[in-house]
PDB file of N, CA and C in Angstrom:
ATOM      1  N   MET A   1     -23.580   2.970 -19.315  1.00  0.00           N
ATOM      2  CA  MET A   1     -23.615   2.179 -20.121  1.00  0.00           C
ATOM      3  C   MET A   1     -22.964   1.087 -19.741  1.00  0.00           C
ATOM      4  N   SER A   2     -23.460  -0.058 -20.437  1.00  0.00           N
ATOM      5  CA  SER A   2     -22.916  -1.205 -20.024  1.00  0.00           C
ATOM      6  C   SER A   2     -21.854  -1.751 -21.179  1.00  0.00           C
ATOM      7  N   ARG A   3     -21.171  -2.435 -20.912  1.00  0.00           N
ATOM      8  CA  ARG A   3     -20.129  -3.006 -22.044  1.00  0.00           C
ATOM      9  C   ARG A   3     -20.685  -4.232 -22.731  1.00  0.00           C
ATOM     10  N   PRO A   4     -20.360  -4.408 -24.213  1.00  0.00           N
ATOM     11  CA  PRO A   4     -21.029  -5.702 -24.984  1.00  0.00           C
ATOM     12  C   PRO A   4     -20.572  -6.874 -24.612  1.00  0.00           C
ATOM     13  N   ALA A   5     -21.765  -7.871 -24.658  1.00  0.00           N
ATOM     14  CA  ALA A   5     -20.926  -9.093 -24.145  1.00  0.00           C
ATOM     15  C   ALA A   5     -20.308  -9.750 -25.008  1.00  0.00           C
ATOM     16  N   ARG A   6     -19.279 -10.558 -24.821  1.00  0.00           N
ATOM     17  CA  ARG A   6     -18.358 -11.259 -25.280  1.00  0.00           C
ATOM     18  C   ARG A   6     -18.599 -12.646 -25.136  1.00  0.00           C
ATOM     19  N   THR A   7     -18.665 -13.325 -25.939  1.00  0.00           N
ATOM     20  CA  THR A   7     -19.042 -14.969 -25.970  1.00  0.00           C
ATOM     21  C   THR A   7     -17.467 -15.225 -25.898  1.00  0.00           C
ATOM     22  N   LEU A   8     -17.491 -16.365 -24.950  1.00  0.00           N
ATOM     23  CA  LEU A   8     -16.185 -16.948 -24.793  1.00  0.00           C
ATOM     24  C   LEU A   8     -16.096 -18.777 -25.094  1.00  0.00           C
ATOM     25  N   PHE A   9     -15.196 -19.071 -25.366  1.00  0.00           N
ATOM     26  CA  PHE A   9     -15.398 -20.566 -25.628  1.00  0.00           C
ATOM     27  C   PHE A   9     -15.654 -21.256 -24.539  1.00  0.00           C
ATOM     28  N   PRO A  10     -16.558 -22.577 -24.670  1.00  0.00           N
ATOM     29  CA  PRO A  10     -16.590 -23.373 -23.550  1.00  0.00           C
ATOM     30  C   PRO A  10     -15.905 -23.064 -22.759  1.00  0.00           C
ATOM     31  N   ARG A  11     -14.605 -24.182 -23.232  1.00  0.00           N
ATOM     32  CA  ARG A  11     -13.431 -24.387 -22.049  1.00  0.00           C
ATOM     33  C   ARG A  11     -12.896 -23.048 -21.643  1.00  0.00           C
ATOM     34  N   THR A  12     -12.937 -22.011 -21.890  1.00  0.00           N
ATOM     35  CA  THR A  12     -12.209 -20.913 -21.224  1.00  0.00           C
ATOM     36  C   THR A  12     -13.267 -20.267 -20.496  1.00  0.00           C
ATOM     37  N   GLU A  13     -14.617 -20.370 -20.816  1.00  0.00           N
ATOM     38  CA  GLU A  13     -15.649 -20.200 -19.492  1.00  0.00           C
ATOM     39  C   GLU A  13     -15.402 -20.924 -18.332  1.00  0.00           C
ATOM     40  N   ARG A  14     -15.303 -22.441 -18.595  1.00  0.00           N
ATOM     41  CA  ARG A  14     -15.287 -23.387 -17.663  1.00  0.00           C
ATOM     42  C   ARG A  14     -13.580 -22.855 -16.975  1.00  0.00           C
ATOM     43  N   GLN A  15     -12.580 -22.675 -17.623  1.00  0.00           N
ATOM     44  CA  GLN A  15     -11.544 -22.147 -16.717  1.00  0.00           C
ATOM     45  C   GLN A  15     -11.734 -20.962 -15.785  1.00  0.00           C
ATOM     46  N   ALA A  16     -12.298 -20.150 -16.447  1.00  0.00           N
ATOM     47  CA  ALA A  16     -12.555 -18.635 -15.798  1.00  0.00           C
ATOM     48  C   ALA A  16     -13.461 -19.111 -14.529  1.00  0.00           C
ATOM     49  N   GLU A  17     -14.587 -19.843 -14.589  1.00  0.00           N
ATOM     50  CA  GLU A  17     -15.240 -20.172 -13.341  1.00  0.00           C
ATOM     51  C   GLU A  17     -14.543 -21.323 -12.422  1.00  0.00           C
ATOM     52  N   ALA A  18     -13.609 -22.115 -12.947  1.00  0.00           N
ATOM     53  CA  ALA A  18     -12.839 -22.590 -11.919  1.00  0.00           C
ATOM     54  C   ALA A  18     -11.904 -21.653 -11.237  1.00  0.00           C
ATOM     55  N   LEU A  19     -11.029 -20.904 -11.885  1.00  0.00           N
ATOM     56  CA  LEU A  19     -10.491 -19.749 -11.269  1.00  0.00           C
ATOM     57  C   LEU A  19     -11.148 -19.132  -9.925  1.00  0.00           C
ATOM     58  N   GLY A  20     -12.424 -18.590 -10.591  1.00  0.00           N
ATOM     59  CA  GLY A  20     -13.038 -17.769  -9.652  1.00  0.00           C
ATOM     60  C   GLY A  20     -13.395 -18.870  -8.065  1.00  0.00           C
ATOM     61  N   GLU A  21     -13.764 -20.272  -8.631  1.00  0.00           N
ATOM     62  CA  GLU A  21     -13.745 -21.087  -7.485  1.00  0.00           C
ATOM     63  C   GLU A  21     -12.750 -21.234  -6.610  1.00  0.00           C
ATOM     64  N   ARG A  22     -11.428 -21.132  -7.298  1.00  0.00           N
ATOM     65  CA  ARG A  22     -10.111 -21.205  -6.292  1.00  0.00           C
ATOM     66  C   ARG A  22     -10.097 -19.920  -5.595  1.00  0.00           C
ATOM     67  N   LEU A  23     -10.258 -18.877  -6.122  1.00  0.00           N
ATOM     68  CA  LEU A  23     -10.215 -17.784  -5.293  1.00  0.00           C
ATOM     69  C   LEU A  23     -10.890 -17.546  -4.301  1.00  0.00           C
ATOM     70  N   LYS A  24     -12.316 -17.802  -4.352  1.00  0.00           N
ATOM     71  CA  LYS A  24     -13.395 -17.836  -3.329  1.00  0.00           C
ATOM     72  C   LYS A  24     -12.978 -18.956  -1.984  1.00  0.00           C
ATOM     73  N   ALA A  25     -12.586 -20.243  -2.565  1.00  0.00           N
ATOM     74  CA  ALA A  25     -11.876 -21.298  -1.740  1.00  0.00           C
ATOM     75  C   ALA A  25     -10.884 -20.805  -0.954  1.00  0.00           C
ATOM     76  N   ALA A  26      -9.722 -19.825  -1.425  1.00  0.00           N
ATOM     77  CA  ALA A  26      -8.604 -19.234  -0.553  1.00  0.00           C
ATOM     78  C   ALA A  26      -9.056 -18.672   0.107  1.00  0.00           C
ATOM     79  N   ARG A  27      -9.988 -17.520   0.007  1.00  0.00           N
ATOM     80  CA  ARG A  27     -10.729 -16.882   0.775  1.00  0.00           C
ATOM     81  C   ARG A  27     -11.154 -17.151   2.095  1.00  0.00           C
ATOM     82  N   LEU A  28     -12.250 -18.158   1.553  1.00  0.00           N
ATOM     83  CA  LEU A  28     -12.669 -18.979   2.894  1.00  0.00           C
ATOM     84  C   LEU A  28     -11.932 -19.489   3.721  1.00  0.00           C
ATOM     85  N   ARG A  29     -10.974 -20.395   3.152  1.00  0.00           N
ATOM     86  CA  ARG A  29      -9.878 -20.905   3.959  1.00  0.00           C
ATOM     87  C   ARG A  29      -9.031 -20.150   5.020  1.00  0.00           C
ATOM     88  N   ARG A  30      -8.985 -18.759   4.577  1.00  0.00           N
ATOM     89  CA  ARG A  30      -8.143 -17.695   5.231  1.00  0.00           C
ATOM     90  C   ARG A  30      -9.504 -17.118   6.244  1.00  0.00           C
ATOM     91  N   ARG A  31     -10.595 -17.478   6.112  1.00  0.00           N
ATOM     92  CA  ARG A  31     -11.776 -16.915   6.901  1.00  0.00           C
ATOM     93  C   ARG A  31     -12.291 -15.510   6.677  1.00  0.00           C
ATOM     94  N   MET A  32     -11.797 -15.311   5.642  1.00  0.00           N
ATOM     95  CA  MET A  32     -12.088 -13.911   5.330  1.00  0.00           C
ATOM     96  C   MET A  32     -13.396 -13.471   4.560  1.00  0.00           C
ATOM     97  N   SER A  33     -13.922 -12.604   5.120  1.00  0.00           N
ATOM     98  CA  SER A  33     -15.599 -12.571   4.320  1.00  0.00           C
ATOM     99  C   SER A  33     -15.354 -11.657   2.948  1.00  0.00           C
ATOM    100  N   GLU A  34     -16.296 -11.647   2.504  1.00  0.00           N
ATOM    101  CA  GLU A  34     -16.660 -10.741   1.030  1.00  0.00           C
ATOM    102  C   GLU A  34     -16.362  -9.469   1.331  1.00  0.00           C
ATOM    103  N   ALA A  35     -16.990  -8.903   2.604  1.00  0.00           N
ATOM    104  CA  ALA A  35     -16.849  -7.453   2.913  1.00  0.00           C
ATOM    105  C   ALA A  35     -15.160  -7.131   3.245  1.00  0.00           C
ATOM    106  N   GLU A  36     -14.475  -7.960   3.854  1.00  0.00           N
ATOM    107  CA  GLU A  36     -13.068  -7.623   4.258  1.00  0.00           C
ATOM    108  C   GLU A  36     -12.057  -7.738   3.151  1.00  0.00           C
ATOM    109  N   MET A  37     -12.544  -8.795   2.210  1.00  0.00           N
ATOM    110  CA  MET A  37     -11.752  -8.787   1.385  1.00  0.00           C
ATOM    111  C   MET A  37     -12.016  -7.802   0.002  1.00  0.00           C
ATOM    112  N   ALA A  38     -13.333  -7.530  -0.163  1.00  0.00           N
ATOM    113  CA  ALA A  38     -13.326  -6.232  -1.034  1.00  0.00           C
ATOM    114  C   ALA A  38     -12.857  -5.049  -0.335  1.00  0.00           C
ATOM    115  N   ALA A  39     -13.059  -4.834   0.931  1.00  0.00           N
ATOM    116  CA  ALA A  39     -12.228  -3.872   1.413  1.00  0.00           C
ATOM    117  C   ALA A  39     -10.737  -3.470   1.189  1.00  0.00           C
ATOM    118  N   ARG A  40      -9.938  -4.913   1.485  1.00  0.00           N
ATOM    119  CA  ARG A  40      -8.802  -4.867   1.446  1.00  0.00           C
ATOM    120  C   ARG A  40      -8.352  -4.572  -0.200  1.00  0.00           C
ATOM    121  N   VAL A  41      -9.152  -5.028  -0.981  1.00  0.00           N
ATOM    122  CA  VAL A  41      -8.588  -4.810  -2.442  1.00  0.00           C
ATOM    123  C   VAL A  41      -9.108  -3.736  -2.839  1.00  0.00           C
ATOM    124  N   LEU A  42     -10.195  -2.817  -2.490  1.00  0.00           N
ATOM    125  CA  LEU A  42     -10.356  -1.804  -2.670  1.00  0.00           C
ATOM    126  C   LEU A  42     -11.191  -1.715  -3.830  1.00  0.00           C
ATOM    127  N   VAL A  43     -12.317  -2.985  -3.725  1.00  0.00           N
ATOM    128  CA  VAL A  43     -13.468  -2.883  -4.646  1.00  0.00           C
ATOM    129  C   VAL A  43     -14.840  -3.244  -3.884  1.00  0.00           C
ATOM    130  N   SER A  44     -15.718  -3.401  -4.891  1.00  0.00           N
ATOM    131  CA  SER A  44     -17.264  -3.305  -4.252  1.00  0.00           C
ATOM    132  C   SER A  44     -17.518  -4.867  -4.044  1.00  0.00           C
ATOM    133  N   ARG A  45     -18.392  -5.120  -2.977  1.00  0.00           N
ATOM    134  CA  ARG A  45     -18.635  -6.368  -3.042  1.00  0.00           C
ATOM    135  C   ARG A  45     -18.875  -7.157  -4.380  1.00  0.00           C
ATOM    136  N   PRO A  46     -19.875  -6.524  -5.045  1.00  0.00           N
ATOM    137  CA  PRO A  46     -20.224  -7.180  -6.211  1.00  0.00           C
ATOM    138  C   PRO A  46     -19.184  -7.431  -7.188  1.00  0.00           C
ATOM    139  N   THR A  47     -18.220  -6.614  -7.543  1.00  0.00           N
ATOM    140  CA  THR A  47     -16.939  -6.666  -8.145  1.00  0.00           C
ATOM    141  C   THR A  47     -16.301  -7.950  -7.780  1.00  0.00           C
ATOM    142  N   LEU A  48     -16.158  -8.022  -6.490  1.00  0.00           N
ATOM    143  CA  LEU A  48     -15.382  -9.037  -6.024  1.00  0.00           C
ATOM    144  C   LEU A  48     -16.450 -10.980  -6.132  1.00  0.00           C
ATOM    145  N   ARG A  49     -17.616 -10.667  -6.220  1.00  0.00           N
ATOM    146  CA  ARG A  49     -18.489 -11.290  -6.429  1.00  0.00           C
ATOM    147  C   ARG A  49     -18.473 -11.835  -8.129  1.00  0.00           C
ATOM    148  N   ARG A  50     -18.156 -11.129  -8.820  1.00  0.00           N
ATOM    149  CA  ARG A  50     -18.156 -11.518 -10.215  1.00  0.00           C
ATOM    150  C   ARG A  50     -16.766 -12.130 -10.443  1.00  0.00           C
ATOM    151  N   LEU A  51     -16.171 -11.673  -9.759  1.00  0.00           N
ATOM    152  CA  LEU A  51     -14.279 -12.297  -9.965  1.00  0.00           C
ATOM    153  C   LEU A  51     -14.716 -13.595  -9.531  1.00  0.00           C
ATOM    154  N   GLU A  52     -15.227 -13.982  -8.226  1.00  0.00           N
ATOM    155  CA  GLU A  52     -15.162 -15.255  -7.898  1.00  0.00           C
ATOM    156  C   GLU A  52     -16.351 -16.006  -8.475  1.00  0.00           C
ATOM    157  N   ALA A  53     -16.875 -15.404  -9.686  1.00  0.00           N
ATOM    158  CA  ALA A  53     -18.053 -16.309 -10.010  1.00  0.00           C
ATOM    159  C   ALA A  53     -17.379 -16.464 -11.661  1.00  0.00           C
ATOM    160  N   GLY A  54     -15.940 -16.045 -12.082  1.00  0.00           N
ATOM    161  CA  GLY A  54     -15.349 -16.288 -13.194  1.00  0.00           C
ATOM    162  C   GLY A  54     -16.008 -15.290 -14.238  1.00  0.00           C
ATOM    163  N   ASP A  55     -16.208 -14.407 -13.841  1.00  0.00           N
ATOM    164  CA  ASP A  55     -16.480 -12.980 -14.833  1.00  0.00           C
ATOM    165  C   ASP A  55     -15.310 -12.293 -14.820  1.00  0.00           C
ATOM    166  N   LEU A  56     -14.840 -13.015 -16.742  1.00  0.00           N
ATOM    167  CA  LEU A  56     -13.653 -12.411 -17.022  1.00  0.00           C
ATOM    168  C   LEU A  56     -13.896 -10.850 -17.613  1.00  0.00           C
ATOM    169  N   SER A  57     -14.837 -10.256 -17.141  1.00  0.00           N
ATOM    170  CA  SER A  57     -14.479  -8.476 -17.529  1.00  0.00           C
ATOM    171  C   SER A  57     -13.920  -7.785 -16.468  1.00  0.00           C
ATOM    172  N   VAL A  58     -13.747  -8.542 -15.169  1.00  0.00           N
ATOM    173  CA  VAL A  58     -13.330  -7.672 -13.855  1.00  0.00           C
ATOM    174  C   VAL A  58     -11.720  -7.696 -14.260  1.00  0.00           C
ATOM    175  N   SER A  59     -11.548  -6.654 -14.256  1.00  0.00           N
ATOM    176  CA  SER A  59      -9.910  -6.063 -14.534  1.00  0.00           C
ATOM    177  C   SER A  59      -8.882  -7.129 -14.015  1.00  0.00           C
ATOM    178  N   MET A  60      -7.625  -6.985 -14.537  1.00  0.00           N
ATOM    179  CA  MET A  60      -6.539  -7.873 -14.365  1.00  0.00           C
ATOM    180  C   MET A  60      -5.987  -7.297 -12.952  1.00  0.00           C
ATOM    181  N   ALA A  61      -6.176  -5.692 -12.970  1.00  0.00           N
ATOM    182  CA  ALA A  61      -5.553  -5.062 -11.729  1.00  0.00           C
ATOM    183  C   ALA A  61      -6.204  -5.589 -10.421  1.00  0.00           C
ATOM    184  N   VAL A  62      -7.630  -6.270 -10.220  1.00  0.00           N
ATOM    185  CA  VAL A  62      -8.543  -6.613  -9.532  1.00  0.00           C
ATOM    186  C   VAL A  62      -7.833  -8.086  -9.091  1.00  0.00           C
ATOM    187  N   LEU A  63      -7.581  -8.973 -10.102  1.00  0.00           N
ATOM    188  CA  LEU A  63      -7.028 -10.176  -9.928  1.00  0.00           C
ATOM    189  C   LEU A  63      -5.776 -10.138  -9.071  1.00  0.00           C
ATOM    190  N   ALA A  64      -5.111  -9.310  -9.794  1.00  0.00           N
ATOM    191  CA  ALA A  64      -3.620  -9.074  -9.016  1.00  0.00           C
ATOM    192  C   ALA A  64      -3.979  -8.577  -7.347  1.00  0.00           C
ATOM    193  N   ARG A  65      -4.429  -7.704  -7.269  1.00  0.00           N
ATOM    194  CA  ARG A  65      -4.863  -7.646  -5.843  1.00  0.00           C
ATOM    195  C   ARG A  65      -5.387  -8.578  -5.179  1.00  0.00           C
ATOM    196  N   VAL A  66      -6.191  -9.067  -5.556  1.00  0.00           N
ATOM    197  CA  VAL A  66      -6.826 -10.443  -4.889  1.00  0.00           C
ATOM    198  C   VAL A  66      -5.794 -11.705  -4.470  1.00  0.00           C
ATOM    199  N   LEU A  67      -5.178 -11.516  -5.513  1.00  0.00           N
ATOM    200  CA  LEU A  67      -3.972 -12.558  -5.226  1.00  0.00           C
ATOM    201  C   LEU A  67      -2.618 -12.267  -4.077  1.00  0.00           C
ATOM    202  N   GLU A  68      -2.344 -10.593  -4.342  1.00  0.00           N
ATOM    203  CA  GLU A  68      -1.456 -10.328  -3.246  1.00  0.00           C
ATOM    204  C   GLU A  68      -2.322 -10.344  -1.875  1.00  0.00           C
ATOM    205  N   VAL A  69      -3.663 -10.027  -2.004  1.00  0.00           N
ATOM    206  CA  VAL A  69      -4.042 -10.204  -0.457  1.00  0.00           C
ATOM    207  C   VAL A  69      -4.269 -11.626   0.054  1.00  0.00           C
ATOM    208  N   LEU A  70      -4.423 -12.629  -0.934  1.00  0.00           N
ATOM    209  CA  LEU A  70      -4.397 -14.074  -0.461  1.00  0.00           C
ATOM    210  C   LEU A  70      -2.914 -14.442  -0.339  1.00  0.00           C
ATOM    211  N   THR A  71      -1.804 -13.589  -0.637  1.00  0.00           N
ATOM    212  CA  THR A  71      -0.677 -14.337  -0.679  1.00  0.00           C
ATOM    213  C   THR A  71      -0.271 -15.039  -1.651  1.00  0.00           C
ATOM    214  N   LEU A  72      -0.695 -15.027  -2.571  1.00  0.00           N
ATOM    215  CA  LEU A  72      -0.662 -16.429  -4.161  1.00  0.00           C
ATOM    216  C   LEU A  72      -0.255 -15.293  -5.448  1.00  0.00           C
ATOM    217  N   ASP A  73       0.099 -13.854  -5.071  1.00  0.00           N
ATOM    218  CA  ASP A  73       0.726 -13.065  -6.011  1.00  0.00           C
ATOM    219  C   ASP A  73       1.845 -13.699  -7.060  1.00  0.00           C
ATOM    220  N   ALA A  74       2.835 -14.620  -6.376  1.00  0.00           N
ATOM    221  CA  ALA A  74       3.721 -15.185  -7.106  1.00  0.00           C
ATOM    222  C   ALA A  74       3.081 -16.021  -8.304  1.00  0.00           C
ATOM    223  N   ASP A  75       1.766 -16.644  -8.446  1.00  0.00           N
ATOM    224  CA  ASP A  75       1.251 -17.133  -9.291  1.00  0.00           C
ATOM    225  C   ASP A  75       1.111 -16.457 -10.461  1.00  0.00           C
ATOM    226  N   LEU A  76       1.192 -15.074 -10.422  1.00  0.00           N
ATOM    227  CA  LEU A  76       0.800 -14.489 -11.528  1.00  0.00           C
ATOM    228  C   LEU A  76       2.237 -14.567 -12.644  1.00  0.00           C
ATOM    229  N   ASP A  77       3.127 -14.791 -12.018  1.00  0.00           N
ATOM    230  CA  ASP A  77       4.747 -15.371 -12.637  1.00  0.00           C
ATOM    231  C   ASP A  77       4.483 -16.147 -13.609  1.00  0.00           C
ATOM    232  N   ARG A  78       3.472 -17.436 -13.165  1.00  0.00           N
ATOM    233  CA  ARG A  78       3.429 -18.844 -13.531  1.00  0.00           C
ATOM    234  C   ARG A  78       2.639 -18.561 -14.851  1.00  0.00           C
ATOM    235  N   ILE A  79       1.725 -17.379 -14.974  1.00  0.00           N
ATOM    236  CA  ILE A  79       0.740 -17.291 -16.334  1.00  0.00           C
ATOM    237  C   ILE A  79       1.646 -16.960 -17.814  1.00  0.00           C
ATOM    238  N   ALA A  80       1.451 -17.993 -18.256  1.00  0.00           N
ATOM    239  CA  ALA A  80       2.183 -17.967 -19.959  1.00  0.00           C
ATOM    240  C   ALA A  80       3.430 -18.006 -19.660  1.00  0.00           C
ATOM    241  N   GLU A  81       3.992 -18.721 -18.982  1.00  0.00           N
ATOM    242  CA  GLU A  81       5.378 -18.951 -18.440  1.00  0.00           C
ATOM    243  C   GLU A  81       5.891 -20.028 -19.401  1.00  0.00           C
ATOM    244  N   ALA A  82       5.524 -21.091 -19.709  1.00  0.00           N
ATOM    245  CA  ALA A  82       5.887 -22.041 -20.489  1.00  0.00           C
ATOM    246  C   ALA A  82       5.390 -21.855 -21.919  1.00  0.00           C
ATOM    247  N   ASP A  83       5.620 -21.098 -22.828  1.00  0.00           N
ATOM    248  CA  ASP A  83       5.296 -20.973 -24.082  1.00  0.00           C
ATOM    249  C   ASP A  83       6.113 -21.595 -24.938  1.00  0.00           C
ATOM    250  N   ASP A  84       5.614 -23.286 -24.799  1.00  0.00           N
ATOM    251  CA  ASP A  84       6.584 -24.083 -25.735  1.00  0.00           C
ATOM    252  C   ASP A  84       6.032 -24.124 -27.754  1.00  0.00           C
ATOM    253  N   LEU A  85       4.782 -24.067 -27.573  1.00  0.00           N
ATOM    254  CA  LEU A  85       4.496 -23.747 -28.983  1.00  0.00           C
ATOM    255  C   LEU A  85       4.811 -22.147 -29.708  1.00  0.00           C
ATOM    256  N   GLY A  86       5.100 -21.382 -28.860  1.00  0.00           N
ATOM    257  CA  GLY A  86       5.712 -20.166 -29.385  1.00  0.00           C
ATOM    258  C   GLY A  86       7.213 -20.116 -29.451  1.00  0.00           C
ATOM    259  N   HIS A  87       7.643 -21.266 -28.811  1.00  0.00           N
ATOM    260  CA  HIS A  87       9.142 -20.981 -29.251  1.00  0.00           C
ATOM    261  C   HIS A  87       9.499 -21.779 -30.435  1.00  0.00           C
ATOM    262  N   ARG A  88       8.575 -22.832 -30.519  1.00  0.00           N
ATOM    263  CA  ARG A  88       8.445 -24.112 -31.475  1.00  0.00           C
ATOM    264  C   ARG A  88       8.603 -22.944 -33.147  1.00  0.00           C
ATOM    265  N   LEU A  89       7.454 -22.147 -32.912  1.00  0.00           N
ATOM    266  CA  LEU A  89       7.047 -21.150 -33.855  1.00  0.00           C
ATOM    267  C   LEU A  89       8.265 -20.578 -34.292  1.00  0.00           C
ATOM    268  N   VAL A  90       8.658 -19.865 -33.361  1.00  0.00           N
ATOM    269  CA  VAL A  90       9.790 -18.723 -33.850  1.00  0.00           C
ATOM    270  C   VAL A  90      11.159 -19.642 -34.587  1.00  0.00           C
ATOM    271  N   ASP A  91      11.262 -20.827 -33.580  1.00  0.00           N
ATOM    272  CA  ASP A  91      12.346 -21.786 -34.096  1.00  0.00           C
ATOM    273  C   ASP A  91      11.922 -22.108 -35.434  1.00  0.00           C
ATOM    274  N   ALA A  92      10.680 -22.248 -36.008  1.00  0.00           N
ATOM    275  CA  ALA A  92      10.511 -22.733 -37.301  1.00  0.00           C
ATOM    276  C   ALA A  92      10.545 -21.780 -38.361  1.00  0.00           C
ATOM    277  N   ARG A  93      10.333 -20.486 -37.940  1.00  0.00           N
ATOM    278  CA  ARG A  93      10.381 -19.063 -39.030  1.00  0.00           C
ATOM    279  C   ARG A  93      11.833 -18.792 -38.961  1.00  0.00           C
ATOM    280  N   THR A  94      13.138 -19.429 -37.837  1.00  0.00           N
ATOM    281  CA  THR A  94      13.978 -18.816 -38.179  1.00  0.00           C
ATOM    282  C   THR A  94      14.879 -19.483 -39.541  1.00  0.00           C
ATOM    283  N   ARG A  95      15.337 -18.691 -40.223  1.00  0.00           N
ATOM    284  CA  ARG A  95      16.106 -18.924 -41.605  1.00  0.00           C
ATOM    285  C   ARG A  95      17.201 -19.548 -41.236  1.00  0.00           C
ATOM    286  N   ARG A  96      17.433 -20.710 -41.782  1.00  0.00           N
ATOM    287  CA  ARG A  96      18.706 -21.517 -41.897  1.00  0.00           C
ATOM    288  C   ARG A  96      19.731 -21.099 -43.055  1.00  0.00           C
ATOM    289  N   PRO A  97      21.010 -21.132 -42.796  1.00  0.00           N
ATOM    290  CA  PRO A  97      21.924 -20.379 -43.530  1.00  0.00           C
ATOM    291  C   PRO A  97      21.545 -21.065 -44.782  1.00  0.00           C
ATOM    292  N   HIS A  98      21.757 -20.081 -45.859  1.00  0.00           N
ATOM    293  CA  HIS A  98      21.808 -20.920 -47.304  1.00  0.00           C
ATOM    294  C   HIS A  98      23.087 -21.547 -47.535  1.00  0.00           C
ATOM    295  N   ARG A  99      23.136 -22.670 -48.072  1.00  0.00           N
ATOM    296  CA  ARG A  99      24.404 -22.818 -48.826  1.00  0.00           C
ATOM    297  C   ARG A  99      24.781 -22.094 -50.100  1.00  0.00           C
ATOM    298  N   SER A 100      25.825 -21.623 -50.400  1.00  0.00           N
ATOM    299  CA  SER A 100      26.326 -21.294 -51.288  1.00  0.00           C
ATOM    300  C   SER A 100      26.226 -22.038 -52.846  1.00  0.00           C
ATOM    301  N   ALA A 101      26.195 -21.459 -54.172  1.00  0.00           N
ATOM    302  CA  ALA A 101      25.989 -22.652 -55.067  1.00  0.00           C
ATOM    303  C   ALA A 101      27.240 -23.040 -55.266  1.00  0.00           C
ATOM    304  N   ALA A 102      28.525 -22.471 -55.181  1.00  0.00           N
ATOM    305  CA  ALA A 102      30.148 -22.935 -55.121  1.00  0.00           C
ATOM    306  C   ALA A 102      29.856 -24.130 -54.233  1.00  0.00           C
ATOM    307  N   ALA A 103      29.364 -23.664 -52.878  1.00  0.00           N
ATOM    308  CA  ALA A 103      29.442 -25.155 -51.886  1.00  0.00           C
ATOM    309  C   ALA A 103      28.690 -26.407 -52.815  1.00  0.00           C
ATOM    310  N   SER A 104      27.720 -26.046 -53.069  1.00  0.00           N
ATOM    311  CA  SER A 104      26.517 -26.942 -53.575  1.00  0.00           C
ATOM    312  C   SER A 104      27.463 -27.783 -54.740  1.00  0.00           C
ATOM    313  N   LEU A 105      27.893 -27.260 -55.813  1.00  0.00           N
ATOM    314  CA  LEU A 105      28.741 -27.723 -56.707  1.00  0.00           C
ATOM    315  C   LEU A 105      30.127 -28.512 -56.548  1.00  0.00           C
ATOM    316  N   ALA A 106      30.622 -27.908 -55.363  1.00  0.00           N
ATOM    317  CA  ALA A 106      32.190 -28.229 -54.767  1.00  0.00           C
ATOM    318  C   ALA A 106      31.104 -30.045 -53.862  1.00  0.00           C
ATOM    319  N   ASP A 107      30.262 -29.982 -53.901  1.00  0.00           N
ATOM    320  CA  ASP A 107      29.590 -31.108 -52.631  1.00  0.00           C
ATOM    321  C   ASP A 107      29.295 -32.337 -54.102  1.00  0.00           C
ATOM    322  N   ALA A 108      28.948 -31.754 -55.178  1.00  0.00           N
ATOM    323  CA  ALA A 108      28.623 -32.395 -56.256  1.00  0.00           C
ATOM    324  C   ALA A 108      29.369 -33.300 -56.930  1.00  0.00           C
ATOM    325  N   LEU A 109      30.665 -32.848 -56.809  1.00  0.00           N
ATOM    326  CA  LEU A 109      31.924 -33.080 -57.600  1.00  0.00           C
ATOM    327  C   LEU A 109      32.323 -34.205 -56.691  1.00  0.00           C
TER     328      LEU A 109
END
């Protein structure tokens, strides 16, 4: 039984395809065949082809193993590393200390 297809936003789809192309290029620069990479990653060749085509239904575990075989696994640490928006949202939600009514009255005088 196959999984239901999930629609991606066009930008996400392009990013996934670009990632797959970069992974394939890295494999080819190392003169590694599909069969050799698949064997080292412990997946089938069709699964490797799907990853290199940008298919996001391939598991993160497979992606992590491919990056490890390519010695690019340090790149995993950079995913979502700089979350500036998230930090700004937390800062905006952080309550500022309320001034007491007595302090406000004292300032008014």
